[in-house]
């Protein structure tokens, strides 16, 4: 079995695995009891967030760069990346003694930039999106002769990423569904090629951020089609157009592409931290987000790939808060109460009786929506989840309070 155009098949993936021995680690496969209970069958997590450089990208980058000729190595390499491919290229170039330059879009996560520089690569910022950075990288390659290391659309890169698929089949021999975060499609294509060659009955599902989902439209059109805009916090899968090779492999070997919202990725990231003790970036949580969003849609045993763990601590804090709000654990209420002595104390006592934790209280006495004898109280509460939040709101309304959510 081989992918169209480049003859990428299981032998290529197996050869890539030999190249990666002693370089990439065979990442852990962790059984997830909480996900298994939700889905109704065994679910495991393939922990590529624990790979060298914090993502699967080190696999494909090393395979690609290791196969450069001696003459090509003297010219150095250049890449475009939001951060994970950058680190993979930088690590591979460092190990192989090759000069590396990486173009990143403006606003790339600071930890990814610093880690890339830490591996010895030069970093250049260009444009808002990965496609802009790729234009800069191609220009640099034309001007200097450096070899462009594409983040996903190359046979060697796909073969390297496909080694994840070989490990999945060995670690969970009875797997029925593999769920994979997807941007440009290198990881998805590589895994699908490996899995379908050895276990064609296994379902391979790609997951894209709803605000950066280039594959659904491209598959409908029958060719890679660029998005006109993108908006997602998941920079690791924010790719505006599939590659030619990855598109062909996804078209031929992948069973389905699904999308997840920002809220669903936030909830998944939070759940992975709390239940699995795994730190992942939003893109890395996409497969788990898909399982949480539609638990009955996947045959088990299932494997969800955690594709990366490189997240800015500031973003992590914001995503945790967003995830808690999406899960109903932060509750914001506006409650109109009588403007009388003790009115606020009685309201807070009612909230306390429900077991909710008051995080913040604010008053407003002047508003067109208020009666003369009313005060608007803004409450930010911490609850145990949506049922508890509904209990809090219901109790206040039952006590005669006018509650606005």
Protein backbone atom coordinates (compact mmCIF):
# COMPACT_ATOMS: atom_id res chain seq x y z
CA UNK A 1 0.00 0.00 0.00
CA UNK A 2 1.45 3.38 -0.95
CA UNK A 3 0.34 6.96 -1.12
CA UNK A 4 -0.20 8.52 -4.53
CA UNK A 5 2.58 10.43 -6.19
CA UNK A 6 5.56 9.60 -4.00
CA UNK A 7 5.15 5.87 -3.32
CA UNK A 8 5.12 6.42 0.45
CA UNK A 9 4.27 3.10 2.03
CA UNK A 10 4.84 0.94 5.06
CA UNK A 11 8.43 0.17 4.02
CA UNK A 12 9.23 3.88 4.07
CA UNK A 13 7.81 4.19 7.57
CA UNK A 14 9.77 1.16 8.76
CA UNK A 15 12.96 2.59 7.26
CA UNK A 16 12.28 5.89 9.02
CA UNK A 17 12.00 4.04 12.29
CA UNK A 18 15.51 2.69 11.85
CA UNK A 19 16.80 6.20 11.17
CA UNK A 20 15.16 7.42 14.39
CA UNK A 21 16.60 4.74 16.69
CA UNK A 22 18.52 6.52 19.42
CA UNK A 23 17.09 9.89 18.38
CA UNK A 24 13.32 9.84 18.97
CA UNK A 25 11.93 8.03 21.97
CA UNK A 26 9.11 5.50 21.87
CA UNK A 27 6.57 7.54 23.77
CA UNK A 28 4.33 6.16 26.47
CA UNK A 29 0.84 4.79 25.86
CA UNK A 30 -1.28 5.56 28.93
CA UNK A 31 -4.65 3.92 29.53
CA UNK A 32 -7.27 6.54 30.42
CA UNK A 33 -9.89 5.19 32.83
CA UNK A 34 -11.93 8.40 32.89
CA UNK A 35 -12.12 8.59 29.10
CA UNK A 36 -12.82 4.86 28.88
CA UNK A 37 -15.77 5.25 31.26
CA UNK A 38 -17.13 8.14 29.20
CA UNK A 39 -16.74 6.47 25.81
CA UNK A 40 -17.85 3.04 27.00
CA UNK A 41 -14.72 1.13 26.05
CA UNK A 42 -10.93 1.23 26.42
CA UNK A 43 -9.26 4.54 25.50
CA UNK A 44 -5.51 5.13 25.62
CA UNK A 45 -3.40 8.26 25.21
CA UNK A 46 -0.35 8.23 22.90
CA UNK A 47 1.86 10.75 24.68
CA UNK A 48 3.81 12.56 21.96
CA UNK A 49 3.80 15.56 24.31
CA UNK A 50 6.60 13.63 26.05
CA UNK A 51 8.64 13.26 22.83
CA UNK A 52 11.95 15.08 22.48
CA UNK A 53 11.28 18.79 21.83
CA UNK A 54 7.78 18.26 23.28
CA UNK A 55 6.04 17.06 20.11
CA UNK A 56 6.00 14.47 17.33
CA UNK A 57 7.66 16.94 14.94
CA UNK A 58 11.16 15.81 15.90
CA UNK A 59 10.52 12.51 14.12
CA UNK A 60 9.81 13.81 10.63
CA UNK A 61 12.32 16.65 10.80
CA UNK A 62 15.18 14.33 11.71
CA UNK A 63 14.37 11.78 9.01
CA UNK A 64 14.22 14.53 6.38
CA UNK A 65 17.44 16.29 7.38
CA UNK A 66 19.41 13.08 7.97
CA UNK A 67 18.91 12.18 4.30
CA UNK A 68 20.41 15.36 2.88
CA UNK A 69 23.50 14.96 0.74
CA UNK A 70 26.88 16.23 1.93
CA UNK A 71 26.62 19.16 -0.49
CA UNK A 72 23.12 20.05 0.75
CA UNK A 73 24.29 19.97 4.35
CA UNK A 74 26.91 22.60 3.64
CA UNK A 75 24.17 25.00 2.50
CA UNK A 76 22.23 24.68 5.73
CA UNK A 77 18.49 24.25 6.20
CA UNK A 78 15.55 26.63 6.56
CA UNK A 79 12.06 25.98 7.89
CA UNK A 80 8.79 27.73 8.62
CA UNK A 81 6.95 26.87 11.80
CA UNK A 82 4.74 28.17 14.59
CA UNK A 83 7.09 26.39 16.96
CA UNK A 84 6.97 22.60 17.12
CA UNK A 85 8.45 21.91 13.68
CA UNK A 86 10.96 24.66 14.42
CA UNK A 87 12.23 22.80 17.45
CA UNK A 88 12.35 19.51 15.55
CA UNK A 89 14.39 21.08 12.75
CA UNK A 90 16.68 22.85 15.21
CA UNK A 91 17.34 19.66 17.18
CA UNK A 92 18.00 17.60 14.04
CA UNK A 93 20.31 20.24 12.59
CA UNK A 94 22.20 20.50 15.87
CA UNK A 95 22.71 16.74 16.11
CA UNK A 96 23.83 16.55 12.48
CA UNK A 97 26.07 19.64 12.61
CA UNK A 98 24.03 21.68 10.10
CA UNK A 99 23.23 25.40 10.19
CA UNK A 100 19.48 26.08 10.66
CA UNK A 101 17.29 29.15 10.14
CA UNK A 102 13.63 29.11 11.15
CA UNK A 103 10.91 31.57 10.06
CA UNK A 104 8.09 31.95 12.58
CA UNK A 105 4.83 33.90 12.32
CA UNK A 106 4.58 36.97 14.55
CA UNK A 107 3.07 36.02 17.86
CA UNK A 108 4.52 32.51 17.94
CA UNK A 109 4.61 31.24 21.54
CA UNK A 110 7.62 32.57 23.40
CA UNK A 111 8.63 29.19 24.91
CA UNK A 112 8.72 27.65 21.42
CA UNK A 113 10.87 30.51 20.12
CA UNK A 114 13.29 30.27 23.05
CA UNK A 115 13.54 26.49 22.77
CA UNK A 116 14.27 26.79 19.03
CA UNK A 117 17.06 29.27 19.71
CA UNK A 118 18.26 26.99 22.50
CA UNK A 119 18.88 24.22 19.96
CA UNK A 120 21.13 26.62 18.02
CA UNK A 121 18.83 27.79 15.23
CA UNK A 122 18.45 31.40 14.07
CA UNK A 123 14.84 32.64 14.33
CA UNK A 124 13.28 35.18 11.94
CA UNK A 125 9.70 36.45 12.38
CA UNK A 126 7.54 37.04 9.32
CA UNK A 127 3.79 37.51 8.81
CA UNK A 128 0.75 36.57 10.89
CA UNK A 129 0.26 32.98 9.76
CA UNK A 130 2.34 29.90 9.01
CA UNK A 131 1.78 30.45 5.27
CA UNK A 132 3.41 33.91 5.58
CA UNK A 133 6.41 32.42 7.34
CA UNK A 134 6.62 29.76 4.64
CA UNK A 135 6.85 32.48 1.98
CA UNK A 136 9.77 33.98 3.90
CA UNK A 137 11.47 30.60 4.24
CA UNK A 138 11.14 29.93 0.51
CA UNK A 139 12.57 33.36 -0.29
CA UNK A 140 15.50 32.69 2.05
CA UNK A 141 16.09 29.30 0.41
CA UNK A 142 16.14 30.89 -3.06
CA UNK A 143 18.55 33.62 -1.94
CA UNK A 144 20.98 31.49 0.07
CA UNK A 145 20.68 27.96 -1.30
CA UNK A 146 19.52 26.61 2.07
CA UNK A 147 17.39 23.47 1.85
CA UNK A 148 13.74 24.08 2.76
CA UNK A 149 12.47 21.57 5.31
CA UNK A 150 8.71 21.65 4.82
CA UNK A 151 6.71 21.14 8.02
CA UNK A 152 4.52 18.40 6.57
CA UNK A 153 4.44 18.04 2.78
CA UNK A 154 7.43 15.78 2.12
CA UNK A 155 7.75 12.01 1.88
CA UNK A 156 10.52 11.79 4.51
CA UNK A 157 8.57 13.97 6.95
CA UNK A 158 5.44 11.89 6.52
CA UNK A 159 7.41 8.67 6.93
CA UNK A 160 8.96 9.97 10.14
CA UNK A 161 5.60 10.94 11.57
CA UNK A 162 4.23 7.56 10.50
CA UNK A 163 6.46 5.84 13.07
CA UNK A 164 3.87 6.99 15.63
CA UNK A 165 1.41 4.69 13.86
CA UNK A 166 3.75 1.70 14.12
CA UNK A 167 4.13 2.28 17.85
CA UNK A 168 0.36 2.58 18.31
CA UNK A 169 -0.24 -0.80 16.65
CA UNK A 170 2.42 -2.44 18.83
CA UNK A 171 1.29 -0.83 22.07
CA UNK A 172 -2.47 -1.39 21.50
CA UNK A 173 -2.63 -4.40 19.15
CA UNK A 174 -6.44 -4.55 19.24
CA UNK A 175 -6.98 -0.86 18.52
CA UNK A 176 -10.10 -0.06 16.48
CA UNK A 177 -9.90 3.75 16.20
CA UNK A 178 -6.99 6.19 16.11
CA UNK A 179 -7.83 9.88 16.62
CA UNK A 180 -5.19 12.38 15.47
CA UNK A 181 -4.85 16.18 15.78
CA UNK A 182 -4.49 17.61 12.27
CA UNK A 183 -3.12 20.80 10.77
CA UNK A 184 -1.23 20.35 7.52
CA UNK A 185 -1.73 16.61 7.78
CA UNK A 186 1.79 15.20 8.07
CA UNK A 187 1.09 13.30 11.29
CA UNK A 188 -2.35 12.17 10.16
CA UNK A 189 -1.09 11.05 6.75
CA UNK A 190 1.89 9.19 8.19
CA UNK A 191 -0.16 7.40 10.84
CA UNK A 192 -2.89 6.53 8.33
CA UNK A 193 -0.41 5.07 5.83
CA UNK A 194 1.17 2.89 8.52
CA UNK A 195 -2.06 1.81 10.19
CA UNK A 196 -4.00 1.07 6.99
CA UNK A 197 -1.11 -0.98 5.58
CA UNK A 198 -1.10 -3.30 8.59
CA UNK A 199 -4.67 -3.02 9.92
CA UNK A 200 -6.93 -1.66 7.16
CA UNK A 201 -10.05 -2.17 9.26
CA UNK A 202 -8.88 0.36 11.88
CA UNK A 203 -10.60 3.75 11.65
CA UNK A 204 -8.26 6.75 11.42
CA UNK A 205 -9.91 10.06 12.32
CA UNK A 206 -8.35 13.49 11.87
CA UNK A 207 -9.35 16.37 14.17
CA UNK A 208 -9.07 20.02 13.18
CA UNK A 209 -9.80 23.24 15.03
CA UNK A 210 -13.12 24.56 13.74
CA UNK A 211 -11.55 27.99 13.16
CA UNK A 212 -8.70 26.56 11.07
CA UNK A 213 -10.20 23.55 9.30
CA UNK A 214 -8.77 23.41 5.79
CA UNK A 215 -9.41 19.73 5.14
CA UNK A 216 -13.22 19.50 5.04
CA UNK A 217 -13.53 22.08 2.25
CA UNK A 218 -10.52 20.73 0.38
CA UNK A 219 -11.86 17.19 0.46
CA UNK A 220 -15.20 18.41 -0.86
CA UNK A 221 -13.43 20.22 -3.71
CA UNK A 222 -11.11 17.30 -4.45
CA UNK A 223 -7.92 19.35 -4.11
CA UNK A 224 -6.12 21.52 -1.53
CA UNK A 225 -8.03 24.79 -1.09
CA UNK A 226 -6.69 27.68 1.03
CA UNK A 227 -8.75 29.12 3.85
CA UNK A 228 -9.56 32.81 3.55
CA UNK A 229 -9.06 33.34 7.30
CA UNK A 230 -8.19 31.44 10.45
CA UNK A 231 -8.85 31.99 14.13
CA UNK A 232 -7.78 29.49 16.77
CA UNK A 233 -5.63 29.34 19.87
CA UNK A 234 -4.29 25.97 18.62
CA UNK A 235 -1.24 27.31 16.76
CA UNK A 236 0.11 23.79 16.31
CA UNK A 237 -2.72 22.91 13.90
CA UNK A 238 -3.37 26.38 12.45
CA UNK A 239 -2.54 25.61 8.82
CA UNK A 240 -4.44 27.35 6.05
CA UNK A 241 -4.07 24.75 3.29
CA UNK A 242 -3.18 21.05 3.05
CA UNK A 243 -0.09 20.01 1.16
CA UNK A 244 -0.34 18.08 -2.09
CA UNK A 245 1.15 14.89 -0.64
CA UNK A 246 -0.63 15.05 2.68
CA UNK A 247 -3.94 15.82 0.98
CA UNK A 248 -3.64 12.78 -1.28
CA UNK A 249 -2.80 10.48 1.64
CA UNK A 250 -5.59 11.87 3.82
CA UNK A 251 -8.06 11.55 0.95
CA UNK A 252 -7.10 7.93 0.32
CA UNK A 253 -6.42 6.56 3.81
CA UNK A 254 -8.28 8.62 6.41
CA UNK A 255 -11.83 7.67 7.32
CA UNK A 256 -13.12 11.02 8.56
CA UNK A 257 -12.18 14.58 9.49
CA UNK A 258 -14.03 16.15 12.42
CA UNK A 259 -13.73 19.63 13.93
CA UNK A 260 -13.68 20.85 17.52
CA UNK A 261 -14.37 24.28 19.00
CA UNK A 262 -12.11 26.41 21.16
CA UNK A 263 -14.33 25.59 24.17
CA UNK A 264 -14.03 21.86 23.50
CA UNK A 265 -10.23 22.06 23.29
CA UNK A 266 -10.14 24.13 26.48
CA UNK A 267 -12.23 21.54 28.33
CA UNK A 268 -10.04 18.73 27.01
CA UNK A 269 -6.83 20.49 28.02
CA UNK A 270 -8.18 21.06 31.52
CA UNK A 271 -9.39 17.47 31.81
CA UNK A 272 -6.00 16.13 30.70
CA UNK A 273 -4.27 18.19 33.37
CA UNK A 274 -6.68 17.22 36.13
CA UNK A 275 -7.33 13.58 35.28
CA UNK A 276 -4.27 12.40 33.35
CA UNK A 277 -1.68 14.80 34.86
CA UNK A 278 -0.64 15.64 31.30
CA UNK A 279 0.37 19.11 30.16
CA UNK A 280 -0.57 19.59 26.51
CA UNK A 281 -0.98 22.54 24.17
CA UNK A 282 -4.42 23.23 22.66
CA UNK A 283 -3.53 21.40 19.44
CA UNK A 284 -2.30 18.45 21.48
CA UNK A 285 -5.69 18.20 23.19
CA UNK A 286 -7.71 18.16 19.95
CA UNK A 287 -8.13 14.37 19.75
CA UNK A 288 -9.38 14.18 23.33
CA UNK A 289 -11.67 17.14 22.61
CA UNK A 290 -13.27 15.13 19.80
CA UNK A 291 -13.86 12.17 22.13
CA UNK A 292 -15.38 14.40 24.80
CA UNK A 293 -17.59 16.16 22.26
CA UNK A 294 -19.10 12.95 20.83
CA UNK A 295 -18.23 9.99 23.09
CA UNK A 296 -20.36 7.42 21.28
CA UNK A 297 -18.97 8.10 17.80
CA UNK A 298 -15.81 6.01 18.08
CA UNK A 299 -15.22 2.27 18.12
CA UNK A 300 -13.05 1.04 20.95
CA UNK A 301 -10.34 0.28 21.86
CA UNK A 302 -9.45 3.81 20.79
CA UNK A 303 -6.19 5.76 20.90
CA UNK A 304 -6.09 9.55 21.13
CA UNK A 305 -2.78 11.09 20.10
CA UNK A 306 -1.53 13.90 22.34
CA UNK A 307 0.54 15.55 19.62
CA UNK A 308 2.38 18.22 21.63
CA UNK A 309 2.92 19.80 25.03
CA UNK A 310 4.61 23.11 24.22
CA UNK A 311 2.32 25.73 25.71
CA UNK A 312 3.07 29.26 26.88
CA UNK A 313 2.40 29.44 30.65
CA UNK A 314 0.37 32.63 30.17
CA UNK A 315 -1.81 30.94 27.56
CA UNK A 316 -2.07 27.89 29.81
CA UNK A 317 -3.56 30.03 32.57
CA UNK A 318 -6.07 31.58 30.19
CA UNK A 319 -7.03 28.23 28.70
CA UNK A 320 -7.53 26.70 32.15
CA UNK A 321 -9.90 29.53 33.04
CA UNK A 322 -11.66 29.20 29.68
CA UNK A 323 -11.95 25.45 30.15
CA UNK A 324 -13.39 25.85 33.64
CA UNK A 325 -15.93 28.35 32.34
CA UNK A 326 -16.86 26.05 29.44
CA UNK A 327 -17.33 23.19 31.92
CA UNK A 328 -19.64 25.32 34.05
CA UNK A 329 -17.14 25.63 36.88
CA UNK A 330 -16.95 29.41 36.63
CA UNK A 331 -20.37 31.03 36.92
CA UNK A 332 -20.91 34.71 36.25
CA UNK A 333 -24.24 36.09 37.48
CA UNK A 334 -25.87 39.48 37.69
CA UNK A 335 -28.38 39.50 40.55
CA UNK A 336 -30.73 42.39 41.25
CA UNK A 337 -31.29 42.80 45.00
CA UNK A 338 -33.19 45.35 47.14
CA UNK A 339 -31.03 48.34 48.09
CA UNK A 340 -31.49 47.84 51.82
CA UNK A 341 -29.10 47.20 54.72
CA UNK A 342 -28.11 43.53 54.85
CA UNK A 343 -29.31 42.82 51.31
CA UNK A 344 -25.88 41.78 50.04
CA UNK A 345 -25.17 39.70 53.14
CA UNK A 346 -28.40 37.76 52.66
CA UNK A 347 -27.56 37.13 48.98
CA UNK A 348 -24.08 35.84 49.83
CA UNK A 349 -25.50 33.66 52.56
CA UNK A 350 -27.84 32.05 50.01
CA UNK A 351 -24.89 31.45 47.68
CA UNK A 352 -22.88 29.98 50.54
CA UNK A 353 -25.68 27.54 51.35
CA UNK A 354 -25.37 26.08 47.84
CA UNK A 355 -21.68 25.28 48.34
CA UNK A 356 -20.47 27.65 45.62
CA UNK A 357 -17.28 29.60 46.24
CA UNK A 358 -17.45 33.39 45.76
CA UNK A 359 -14.44 34.63 43.79
CA UNK A 360 -15.48 38.22 43.12
CA UNK A 361 -18.28 40.64 43.99
CA UNK A 362 -19.06 43.99 42.36
CA UNK A 363 -21.96 46.48 42.83
CA UNK A 364 -23.68 48.82 40.45
CA UNK A 365 -26.41 51.20 41.61
CA UNK A 366 -26.86 53.33 38.47
CA UNK A 367 -28.25 51.56 35.41
CA UNK A 368 -31.30 52.10 33.14
CA UNK A 369 -32.34 48.48 33.81
CA UNK A 370 -32.51 48.97 37.59
CA UNK A 371 -35.39 50.21 39.67
CA UNK A 372 -34.66 53.06 42.06
CA UNK A 373 -34.58 50.73 45.05
CA UNK A 374 -32.38 48.03 43.43
CA UNK A 375 -28.68 47.22 43.24
CA UNK A 376 -27.07 45.08 40.56
CA UNK A 377 -24.59 42.62 42.10
CA UNK A 378 -22.12 40.93 39.78
CA UNK A 379 -20.97 37.59 41.21
CA UNK A 380 -18.15 35.44 39.92
CA UNK A 381 -18.52 31.98 41.46
CA UNK A 382 -16.62 28.72 41.36
CA UNK A 383 -18.88 25.67 41.14
CA UNK A 384 -18.42 21.92 40.78
CA UNK A 385 -19.76 21.86 37.21
CA UNK A 386 -22.88 22.52 35.16
CA UNK A 387 -25.38 20.68 37.42
CA UNK A 388 -24.08 22.57 40.46
CA UNK A 389 -24.18 25.87 38.55
CA UNK A 390 -27.80 25.21 37.62
CA UNK A 391 -28.59 24.42 41.27
CA UNK A 392 -27.10 27.77 42.36
CA UNK A 393 -29.08 29.73 39.78
CA UNK A 394 -32.27 27.84 40.52
CA UNK A 395 -32.01 28.39 44.27
CA UNK A 396 -31.53 32.13 43.88
CA UNK A 397 -34.52 32.41 41.56
CA UNK A 398 -36.59 30.31 43.93
CA UNK A 399 -35.74 32.80 46.69
CA UNK A 400 -37.17 35.62 44.55
CA UNK A 401 -33.96 37.10 43.16
CA UNK A 402 -33.88 38.45 39.61
CA UNK A 403 -30.92 36.59 38.08
CA UNK A 404 -29.27 37.34 34.74
CA UNK A 405 -26.57 35.00 33.39
